């Protein structure tokens, strides 16, 4: 099973749509993520990330619901 996680774009580097990357925040962790599949992503957007690649731009409400659901799983797993 594959899992994609929402994160918020904090900064973007590069102008070429195929090589642009972003610093994406996942809670307190920030990772460098490829934006080749989401060329319209902007700072402040929520993106769905799988294997280091943003695969979709999310509506903020959908991102919040997904993050809340994941947080609930974390509590149950403790």
N, C-alpha and C. Protein backbone atom coordinates (compact mmCIF):
# COMPACT_ATOMS: atom_id res chain seq x y z
N UNK A 1 0.84 -1.17 0.00
CA UNK A 1 0.00 0.00 0.00
C UNK A 1 0.89 1.24 0.00
N UNK A 2 0.54 2.21 -0.82
CA UNK A 2 1.28 3.47 -0.90
C UNK A 2 0.51 4.55 -0.14
N UNK A 3 1.27 5.48 0.41
CA UNK A 3 0.66 6.55 1.17
C UNK A 3 1.22 7.87 0.70
N UNK A 4 0.36 8.83 0.43
CA UNK A 4 0.77 10.19 0.09
C UNK A 4 0.34 11.09 1.25
N UNK A 5 1.19 12.04 1.59
CA UNK A 5 0.97 12.89 2.75
C UNK A 5 0.87 14.35 2.31
N UNK A 6 -0.08 15.12 2.86
CA UNK A 6 -0.15 16.55 2.53
C UNK A 6 0.89 17.35 3.32
N UNK A 7 1.44 18.35 2.64
CA UNK A 7 2.36 19.27 3.28
C UNK A 7 2.19 20.65 2.66
N UNK A 8 2.68 21.67 3.36
CA UNK A 8 2.51 23.04 2.88
C UNK A 8 3.81 23.57 2.30
N UNK A 9 3.72 24.15 1.09
CA UNK A 9 4.89 24.70 0.41
C UNK A 9 5.35 25.95 1.15
N UNK A 10 6.63 25.94 1.55
CA UNK A 10 7.22 27.06 2.28
C UNK A 10 8.08 27.95 1.38
N UNK A 11 8.79 27.34 0.43
CA UNK A 11 9.68 28.08 -0.47
C UNK A 11 9.82 27.27 -1.75
N UNK A 12 10.09 27.97 -2.85
CA UNK A 12 10.26 27.31 -4.15
C UNK A 12 11.59 27.75 -4.75
N UNK A 13 12.30 26.79 -5.35
CA UNK A 13 13.58 27.05 -5.99
C UNK A 13 13.51 26.63 -7.45
N UNK A 14 13.97 27.52 -8.34
CA UNK A 14 14.05 27.19 -9.77
C UNK A 14 12.87 27.72 -10.56
N UNK A 15 13.11 27.89 -11.86
CA UNK A 15 12.08 28.39 -12.77
C UNK A 15 11.62 27.34 -13.78
N UNK A 16 12.46 26.36 -14.05
CA UNK A 16 12.12 25.32 -15.04
C UNK A 16 11.07 24.39 -14.44
N UNK A 17 9.91 24.25 -15.09
CA UNK A 17 8.84 23.41 -14.54
C UNK A 17 9.25 21.96 -14.25
N UNK A 18 10.25 21.45 -14.97
CA UNK A 18 10.67 20.06 -14.76
C UNK A 18 11.65 19.88 -13.61
N UNK A 19 12.33 20.95 -13.23
CA UNK A 19 13.36 20.81 -12.18
C UNK A 19 13.07 21.64 -10.94
N UNK A 20 11.94 22.35 -10.91
CA UNK A 20 11.60 23.14 -9.71
C UNK A 20 11.45 22.23 -8.50
N UNK A 21 11.88 22.74 -7.37
CA UNK A 21 11.70 22.02 -6.10
C UNK A 21 11.12 22.98 -5.07
N UNK A 22 10.63 22.41 -4.00
CA UNK A 22 10.06 23.24 -2.93
C UNK A 22 10.48 22.69 -1.59
N UNK A 23 10.56 23.58 -0.62
CA UNK A 23 10.66 23.17 0.77
C UNK A 23 9.23 23.03 1.25
N UNK A 24 8.87 21.81 1.65
CA UNK A 24 7.50 21.51 2.06
C UNK A 24 7.50 21.08 3.52
N UNK A 25 6.62 21.70 4.31
CA UNK A 25 6.54 21.43 5.75
C UNK A 25 5.49 20.36 6.02
N UNK A 26 5.90 19.37 6.80
CA UNK A 26 5.01 18.30 7.27
C UNK A 26 5.06 18.36 8.79
N UNK A 27 4.16 19.12 9.39
CA UNK A 27 4.26 19.33 10.84
C UNK A 27 5.51 20.12 11.12
N UNK A 28 6.43 19.58 11.89
CA UNK A 28 7.68 20.26 12.21
C UNK A 28 8.84 19.87 11.33
N UNK A 29 8.61 19.05 10.32
CA UNK A 29 9.68 18.57 9.45
C UNK A 29 9.54 19.23 8.08
N UNK A 30 10.68 19.70 7.54
CA UNK A 30 10.68 20.32 6.21
C UNK A 30 11.55 19.47 5.30
N UNK A 31 11.01 19.12 4.12
CA UNK A 31 11.73 18.30 3.15
C UNK A 31 11.75 19.01 1.80
N UNK A 32 12.79 18.71 1.00
CA UNK A 32 12.87 19.22 -0.37
C UNK A 32 12.07 18.25 -1.26
N UNK A 33 11.11 18.79 -2.02
CA UNK A 33 10.18 17.99 -2.81
C UNK A 33 10.19 18.47 -4.26
N UNK A 34 10.14 17.54 -5.21
CA UNK A 34 10.08 17.88 -6.63
C UNK A 34 8.67 18.35 -6.99
N UNK A 35 8.59 19.39 -7.84
CA UNK A 35 7.29 19.95 -8.26
C UNK A 35 6.97 19.69 -9.74
N UNK A 36 7.67 18.76 -10.37
CA UNK A 36 7.48 18.51 -11.80
C UNK A 36 6.04 18.16 -12.16
N UNK A 37 5.33 17.45 -11.28
CA UNK A 37 3.94 17.06 -11.56
C UNK A 37 2.93 18.13 -11.15
N UNK A 38 3.39 19.15 -10.45
CA UNK A 38 2.50 20.22 -9.98
C UNK A 38 3.11 21.58 -10.32
N UNK A 39 3.23 21.90 -11.61
CA UNK A 39 3.90 23.15 -12.01
C UNK A 39 3.19 24.42 -11.55
N UNK A 40 1.92 24.33 -11.19
CA UNK A 40 1.18 25.51 -10.73
C UNK A 40 1.27 25.74 -9.23
N UNK A 41 2.00 24.88 -8.50
CA UNK A 41 2.11 25.03 -7.05
C UNK A 41 2.79 26.34 -6.70
N UNK A 42 2.29 26.99 -5.66
CA UNK A 42 2.81 28.28 -5.18
C UNK A 42 3.06 28.20 -3.68
N UNK A 43 3.84 29.13 -3.16
CA UNK A 43 4.10 29.21 -1.73
C UNK A 43 2.75 29.35 -1.00
N UNK A 44 2.59 28.55 0.04
CA UNK A 44 1.35 28.55 0.81
C UNK A 44 0.38 27.45 0.41
N UNK A 45 0.54 26.90 -0.81
CA UNK A 45 -0.33 25.80 -1.25
C UNK A 45 -0.04 24.54 -0.45
N UNK A 46 -1.05 23.69 -0.33
CA UNK A 46 -0.87 22.35 0.21
C UNK A 46 -0.74 21.41 -0.97
N UNK A 47 0.27 20.54 -0.91
CA UNK A 47 0.48 19.56 -1.96
C UNK A 47 0.45 18.16 -1.36
N UNK A 48 0.02 17.21 -2.15
CA UNK A 48 0.01 15.81 -1.75
C UNK A 48 1.32 15.21 -2.24
N UNK A 49 2.11 14.66 -1.32
CA UNK A 49 3.47 14.20 -1.64
C UNK A 49 3.59 12.70 -1.48
N UNK A 50 4.17 12.07 -2.51
CA UNK A 50 4.47 10.64 -2.48
C UNK A 50 5.88 10.45 -3.00
N UNK A 51 6.71 9.79 -2.24
CA UNK A 51 8.09 9.44 -2.64
C UNK A 51 8.89 10.66 -3.09
N UNK A 52 8.73 11.78 -2.40
CA UNK A 52 9.52 12.96 -2.69
C UNK A 52 9.03 13.81 -3.85
N UNK A 53 7.84 13.49 -4.36
CA UNK A 53 7.27 14.23 -5.50
C UNK A 53 5.87 14.71 -5.15
N UNK A 54 5.61 16.00 -5.37
CA UNK A 54 4.26 16.53 -5.18
C UNK A 54 3.41 16.03 -6.35
N UNK A 55 2.34 15.30 -6.05
CA UNK A 55 1.53 14.70 -7.12
C UNK A 55 0.21 15.43 -7.34
N UNK A 56 -0.16 16.34 -6.44
CA UNK A 56 -1.40 17.11 -6.59
C UNK A 56 -1.38 18.31 -5.67
N UNK A 57 -2.08 19.36 -6.08
CA UNK A 57 -2.31 20.51 -5.22
C UNK A 57 -3.65 20.28 -4.54
N UNK A 58 -3.69 20.46 -3.22
CA UNK A 58 -4.90 20.20 -2.45
C UNK A 58 -5.61 21.48 -2.05
N UNK A 59 -6.91 21.40 -1.97
CA UNK A 59 -7.72 22.45 -1.36
C UNK A 59 -7.34 22.49 0.12
N UNK A 60 -7.19 23.68 0.73
CA UNK A 60 -6.81 23.75 2.14
C UNK A 60 -7.73 22.96 3.08
N UNK A 61 -9.02 22.95 2.80
CA UNK A 61 -9.96 22.19 3.62
C UNK A 61 -9.71 20.70 3.54
N UNK A 62 -9.44 20.21 2.34
CA UNK A 62 -9.15 18.79 2.16
C UNK A 62 -7.85 18.42 2.86
N UNK A 63 -6.84 19.30 2.76
CA UNK A 63 -5.57 19.06 3.45
C UNK A 63 -5.80 18.97 4.95
N UNK A 64 -6.59 19.88 5.50
CA UNK A 64 -6.86 19.88 6.95
C UNK A 64 -7.57 18.60 7.37
N UNK A 65 -8.56 18.14 6.58
CA UNK A 65 -9.27 16.90 6.92
C UNK A 65 -8.32 15.70 6.87
N UNK A 66 -7.46 15.66 5.87
CA UNK A 66 -6.52 14.55 5.74
C UNK A 66 -5.53 14.54 6.90
N UNK A 67 -5.00 15.72 7.23
CA UNK A 67 -4.05 15.80 8.35
C UNK A 67 -4.71 15.41 9.67
N UNK A 68 -5.96 15.82 9.87
CA UNK A 68 -6.68 15.45 11.09
C UNK A 68 -6.87 13.93 11.15
N UNK A 69 -7.19 13.32 10.04
CA UNK A 69 -7.34 11.87 10.00
C UNK A 69 -6.05 11.15 10.30
N UNK A 70 -4.95 11.65 9.74
CA UNK A 70 -3.64 11.04 10.01
C UNK A 70 -3.24 11.21 11.47
N UNK A 71 -3.56 12.36 12.03
CA UNK A 71 -3.24 12.60 13.43
C UNK A 71 -4.02 11.63 14.33
N UNK A 72 -5.25 11.33 13.95
CA UNK A 72 -6.05 10.36 14.70
C UNK A 72 -5.43 8.97 14.64
N UNK A 73 -4.85 8.60 13.51
CA UNK A 73 -4.18 7.31 13.40
C UNK A 73 -2.96 7.24 14.30
N UNK A 74 -2.25 8.37 14.40
CA UNK A 74 -1.06 8.41 15.23
C UNK A 74 -1.41 8.17 16.69
N UNK A 75 -2.50 8.77 17.16
CA UNK A 75 -2.93 8.60 18.55
C UNK A 75 -3.30 7.14 18.82
N UNK A 76 -4.02 6.52 17.88
CA UNK A 76 -4.44 5.14 18.07
C UNK A 76 -3.25 4.19 18.08
N UNK A 77 -2.20 4.50 17.34
CA UNK A 77 -1.05 3.63 17.24
C UNK A 77 -0.10 3.70 18.43
N UNK A 78 -0.26 4.66 19.29
CA UNK A 78 0.63 4.82 20.45
C UNK A 78 0.41 3.77 21.50
